């Protein structure tokens, strides 16, 4: 029969494991909730933007390791990979809004939802055409070190994922609450139709919202690649739907 101490260890161990897994869903779901809160539509391509961001991070990390391995430490390459990937993925978010959703602002909501699914299929098919269906392995940028505290096992990578996810959410909260752009987003989420009449351009706020959501999804993709370093073109489908549930 298990002792009370064993039960406590079991609970803490699973809590830490779930906190790491939930960090991915939380960061990705922010993109869903931001787009819906500001523009009143669900971006069903968001899970595949996460997938695309993971592949972009894979390419950037591989390039940096080829150029700077042995010159720069792993954490520096990791930070550089995150910054460049966020920038590139943000522009993908802008493209999705401008090319996919902007022409459908006056269309029924179902049209926008179907368009999001179509964009996701295009991303998946594009990766299949360019890279094939073979699974890829994300290069380890941070050397994993295991710790044992009171019978609870965790790694520095696991702690890093949880801390970075919390910092991203705190940074986004500060942006929304303390900046004029964030104030405009909050105002637009309060009254989507009236705020543009007050001088806030929806053609600026909509791409900005998509860019932030896509950038965060890309960071989640890199963190996911460090924890579960297997990439495939359909990895964003189930994760995207789970993040959608979290957003709801």
Protein backbone atom coordinates (compact mmCIF):
# COMPACT_ATOMS: atom_id res chain seq x y z
CA UNK A 1 0.00 0.00 0.00
CA UNK A 2 1.35 3.41 -0.96
CA UNK A 3 2.24 5.80 1.82
CA UNK A 4 1.02 9.35 2.09
CA UNK A 5 4.47 10.61 1.05
CA UNK A 6 4.35 8.50 -2.11
CA UNK A 7 0.95 9.96 -2.97
CA UNK A 8 2.25 13.50 -2.46
CA UNK A 9 5.25 12.77 -4.69
CA UNK A 10 2.98 11.25 -7.32
CA UNK A 11 0.73 14.30 -7.27
CA UNK A 12 3.59 16.83 -7.49
CA UNK A 13 5.27 14.86 -10.27
CA UNK A 14 2.14 14.78 -12.39
CA UNK A 15 1.36 18.39 -11.56
CA UNK A 16 4.75 19.51 -12.93
CA UNK A 17 4.32 17.33 -16.02
CA UNK A 18 0.83 18.72 -16.63
CA UNK A 19 2.07 22.28 -16.05
CA UNK A 20 4.62 21.86 -18.81
CA UNK A 21 2.08 20.39 -21.23
CA UNK A 22 -0.50 22.99 -20.30
CA UNK A 23 2.01 25.77 -20.95
CA UNK A 24 1.92 24.96 -24.68
CA UNK A 25 -1.87 24.98 -24.78
CA UNK A 26 -2.03 28.22 -22.80
CA UNK A 27 0.36 30.15 -25.06
CA UNK A 28 -1.32 28.85 -28.23
CA UNK A 29 -4.83 29.51 -26.92
CA UNK A 30 -3.93 33.17 -26.39
CA UNK A 31 -3.93 33.55 -30.17
CA UNK A 32 -7.43 32.11 -30.39
CA UNK A 33 -8.79 34.29 -27.60
CA UNK A 34 -7.13 37.49 -28.86
CA UNK A 35 -8.47 37.14 -32.40
CA UNK A 36 -11.95 36.33 -31.14
CA UNK A 37 -11.88 39.06 -28.50
CA UNK A 38 -10.80 41.78 -30.95
CA UNK A 39 -12.31 40.65 -34.26
CA UNK A 40 -15.11 38.30 -33.13
CA UNK A 41 -13.94 35.36 -35.25
CA UNK A 42 -12.12 32.10 -34.62
CA UNK A 43 -8.88 31.58 -36.52
CA UNK A 44 -9.07 27.85 -37.13
CA UNK A 45 -5.70 27.99 -38.92
CA UNK A 46 -3.99 28.85 -35.64
CA UNK A 47 -2.97 25.27 -34.85
CA UNK A 48 -1.25 25.02 -38.22
CA UNK A 49 0.44 28.38 -37.64
CA UNK A 50 1.87 26.73 -34.51
CA UNK A 51 3.06 23.85 -36.71
CA UNK A 52 4.53 26.24 -39.27
CA UNK A 53 6.28 28.19 -36.52
CA UNK A 54 7.83 24.96 -35.25
CA UNK A 55 9.18 24.18 -38.71
CA UNK A 56 10.51 27.72 -39.10
CA UNK A 57 12.20 27.41 -35.71
CA UNK A 58 13.66 24.10 -36.83
CA UNK A 59 15.14 25.73 -39.93
CA UNK A 60 16.48 28.75 -38.06
CA UNK A 61 17.97 26.60 -35.28
CA UNK A 62 19.62 24.28 -37.80
CA UNK A 63 21.09 27.26 -39.65
CA UNK A 64 22.41 28.91 -36.49
CA UNK A 65 23.93 25.65 -35.25
CA UNK A 66 25.67 25.18 -38.60
CA UNK A 67 27.06 28.72 -38.49
CA UNK A 68 27.76 29.28 -34.80
CA UNK A 69 28.11 25.84 -33.16
CA UNK A 70 31.15 26.00 -30.89
CA UNK A 71 31.21 29.78 -31.16
CA UNK A 72 28.04 30.76 -29.33
CA UNK A 73 26.61 28.88 -26.34
CA UNK A 74 23.34 26.98 -26.71
CA UNK A 75 21.22 29.45 -24.70
CA UNK A 76 22.30 32.34 -26.96
CA UNK A 77 21.40 30.34 -30.07
CA UNK A 78 18.07 29.45 -28.44
CA UNK A 79 17.23 33.12 -27.76
CA UNK A 80 18.26 34.12 -31.30
CA UNK A 81 16.13 31.32 -32.73
CA UNK A 82 13.12 32.48 -30.71
CA UNK A 83 13.49 36.12 -31.77
CA UNK A 84 13.92 35.40 -35.49
CA UNK A 85 11.16 32.80 -35.52
CA UNK A 86 8.74 35.13 -33.75
CA UNK A 87 9.45 37.84 -36.31
CA UNK A 88 8.92 35.57 -39.31
CA UNK A 89 5.84 33.89 -37.85
CA UNK A 90 4.31 37.27 -37.06
CA UNK A 91 4.40 38.14 -40.75
CA UNK A 92 2.70 34.86 -41.53
CA UNK A 93 -0.07 35.93 -39.15
CA UNK A 94 -0.33 39.27 -40.97
CA UNK A 95 -0.53 37.46 -44.31
CA UNK A 96 -3.31 35.18 -43.03
CA UNK A 97 -5.35 38.17 -41.91
CA UNK A 98 -4.82 40.26 -45.05
CA UNK A 99 -5.23 37.47 -47.62
CA UNK A 100 -7.66 35.18 -45.83
CA UNK A 101 -9.88 37.07 -43.41
CA UNK A 102 -9.91 40.70 -44.52
CA UNK A 103 -11.96 40.01 -47.70
CA UNK A 104 -14.55 38.21 -45.54
CA UNK A 105 -15.27 40.87 -42.92
CA UNK A 106 -18.77 41.41 -44.24
CA UNK A 107 -19.35 37.73 -45.02
CA UNK A 108 -21.19 35.28 -42.72
CA UNK A 109 -19.16 33.89 -39.82
CA UNK A 110 -19.27 30.41 -41.32
CA UNK A 111 -17.32 31.65 -44.35
CA UNK A 112 -14.49 32.89 -42.15
CA UNK A 113 -14.43 29.62 -40.18
CA UNK A 114 -14.24 27.54 -43.35
CA UNK A 115 -11.52 29.81 -44.70
CA UNK A 116 -9.45 29.19 -41.56
CA UNK A 117 -9.72 25.45 -42.08
CA UNK A 118 -8.72 25.90 -45.72
CA UNK A 119 -5.64 27.95 -44.77
CA UNK A 120 -4.62 25.22 -42.34
CA UNK A 121 -4.88 22.59 -45.07
CA UNK A 122 -2.78 24.79 -47.39
CA UNK A 123 -0.05 25.05 -44.73
CA UNK A 124 -0.07 21.30 -44.12
CA UNK A 125 0.05 20.51 -47.83
CA UNK A 126 2.79 23.08 -48.39
CA UNK A 127 5.01 21.43 -45.77
CA UNK A 128 4.33 18.02 -47.33
CA UNK A 129 5.32 19.31 -50.77
CA UNK A 130 8.44 21.14 -49.58
CA UNK A 131 9.78 18.76 -46.93
CA UNK A 132 7.88 15.53 -47.42
CA UNK A 133 5.99 13.44 -44.88
CA UNK A 134 9.10 12.23 -43.05
CA UNK A 135 9.22 13.29 -39.43
CA UNK A 136 12.05 15.61 -38.44
CA UNK A 137 13.90 15.91 -35.15
CA UNK A 138 14.18 19.38 -33.60
CA UNK A 139 17.83 20.04 -32.62
CA UNK A 140 18.40 20.33 -28.86
CA UNK A 141 19.45 23.92 -28.16
CA UNK A 142 19.50 23.60 -24.37
CA UNK A 143 21.36 20.69 -22.79
CA UNK A 144 18.92 18.79 -20.60
CA UNK A 145 19.89 18.37 -16.95
CA UNK A 146 17.76 16.22 -14.60
CA UNK A 147 17.06 17.04 -10.98
CA UNK A 148 15.59 15.00 -8.15
CA UNK A 149 14.02 16.94 -5.31
CA UNK A 150 12.32 14.81 -2.68
CA UNK A 151 11.62 12.03 -5.16
CA UNK A 152 10.18 14.41 -7.77
CA UNK A 153 12.05 14.40 -11.08
CA UNK A 154 12.21 17.35 -13.47
CA UNK A 155 14.62 18.89 -15.95
CA UNK A 156 15.93 22.37 -16.59
CA UNK A 157 14.14 22.29 -19.97
CA UNK A 158 10.82 21.62 -18.26
CA UNK A 159 11.33 24.53 -15.86
CA UNK A 160 12.44 26.76 -18.74
CA UNK A 161 9.25 26.00 -20.68
CA UNK A 162 7.02 26.82 -17.72
CA UNK A 163 8.90 30.04 -16.85
CA UNK A 164 9.05 31.32 -20.44
CA UNK A 165 5.34 30.63 -20.92
CA UNK A 166 4.49 32.57 -17.76
CA UNK A 167 6.74 35.45 -18.82
CA UNK A 168 5.10 35.57 -22.25
CA UNK A 169 1.64 35.73 -20.70
CA UNK A 170 2.78 38.40 -18.23
CA UNK A 171 4.38 40.40 -21.03
CA UNK A 172 1.22 40.21 -23.13
CA UNK A 173 -0.89 41.26 -20.16
CA UNK A 174 1.37 44.27 -19.62
CA UNK A 175 1.17 45.16 -23.31
CA UNK A 176 -2.63 44.96 -23.32
CA UNK A 177 -3.01 46.98 -20.13
CA UNK A 178 -0.24 49.60 -20.40
CA UNK A 179 0.14 50.55 -24.08
CA UNK A 180 -2.04 52.53 -26.48
CA UNK A 181 -2.14 49.55 -28.85
CA UNK A 182 -3.38 47.39 -26.00
CA UNK A 183 -5.95 50.02 -25.06
CA UNK A 184 -7.20 50.02 -28.65
CA UNK A 185 -7.48 46.22 -28.58
CA UNK A 186 -9.46 46.32 -25.35
CA UNK A 187 -11.74 49.00 -26.74
CA UNK A 188 -12.32 47.04 -29.94
CA UNK A 189 -13.13 43.90 -27.95
CA UNK A 190 -15.71 45.95 -26.04
CA UNK A 191 -17.42 47.33 -29.15
CA UNK A 192 -16.15 45.98 -32.44
CA UNK A 193 -18.35 48.23 -34.57
CA UNK A 194 -18.14 51.56 -32.75
CA UNK A 195 -14.40 51.80 -32.10
CA UNK A 196 -13.41 52.18 -35.81
CA UNK A 197 -15.72 55.20 -35.90
CA UNK A 198 -13.57 56.79 -33.18
CA UNK A 199 -10.43 56.74 -35.35
CA UNK A 200 -8.97 53.31 -34.50
CA UNK A 201 -8.10 51.63 -37.80
CA UNK A 202 -9.23 48.04 -37.97
CA UNK A 203 -6.77 47.53 -40.83
CA UNK A 204 -3.98 48.12 -38.31
CA UNK A 205 -5.43 46.41 -35.26
CA UNK A 206 -6.46 43.21 -37.06
CA UNK A 207 -2.99 42.42 -38.51
CA UNK A 208 -1.37 43.38 -35.20
CA UNK A 209 -3.62 40.96 -33.34
CA UNK A 210 -2.86 38.15 -35.78
CA UNK A 211 0.86 38.95 -35.64
CA UNK A 212 1.00 38.73 -31.85
CA UNK A 213 -0.96 35.48 -31.81
CA UNK A 214 1.23 33.93 -34.52
CA UNK A 215 4.43 35.03 -32.80
CA UNK A 216 3.34 33.46 -29.51
CA UNK A 217 2.33 30.27 -31.30
CA UNK A 218 5.78 30.12 -32.89
CA UNK A 219 7.47 30.41 -29.49
CA UNK A 220 5.23 27.63 -28.22
CA UNK A 221 6.36 25.58 -31.22
CA UNK A 222 10.04 26.04 -30.34
CA UNK A 223 9.39 25.13 -26.71
CA UNK A 224 7.42 22.11 -27.86
CA UNK A 225 10.34 21.12 -30.09
CA UNK A 226 12.69 21.22 -27.11
CA UNK A 227 10.41 19.01 -25.02
CA UNK A 228 9.07 16.66 -27.72
CA UNK A 229 11.54 16.95 -30.62
CA UNK A 230 9.44 15.26 -33.30
CA UNK A 231 7.97 17.36 -36.11
CA UNK A 232 5.34 16.33 -38.63
CA UNK A 233 3.00 18.35 -40.87
CA UNK A 234 -0.11 17.39 -38.88
CA UNK A 235 1.25 18.09 -35.40
CA UNK A 236 -0.78 21.30 -35.12
CA UNK A 237 -4.19 19.71 -35.67
CA UNK A 238 -4.82 18.05 -32.32
CA UNK A 239 -2.79 20.60 -30.35
CA UNK A 240 -4.71 23.39 -32.06
CA UNK A 241 -8.07 21.89 -31.16
CA UNK A 242 -7.01 21.39 -27.54
CA UNK A 243 -5.82 24.99 -27.40
CA UNK A 244 -9.16 26.02 -28.90
CA UNK A 245 -10.93 24.24 -26.03
CA UNK A 246 -8.65 26.05 -23.58
CA UNK A 247 -9.49 29.37 -25.23
CA UNK A 248 -13.21 28.70 -24.88
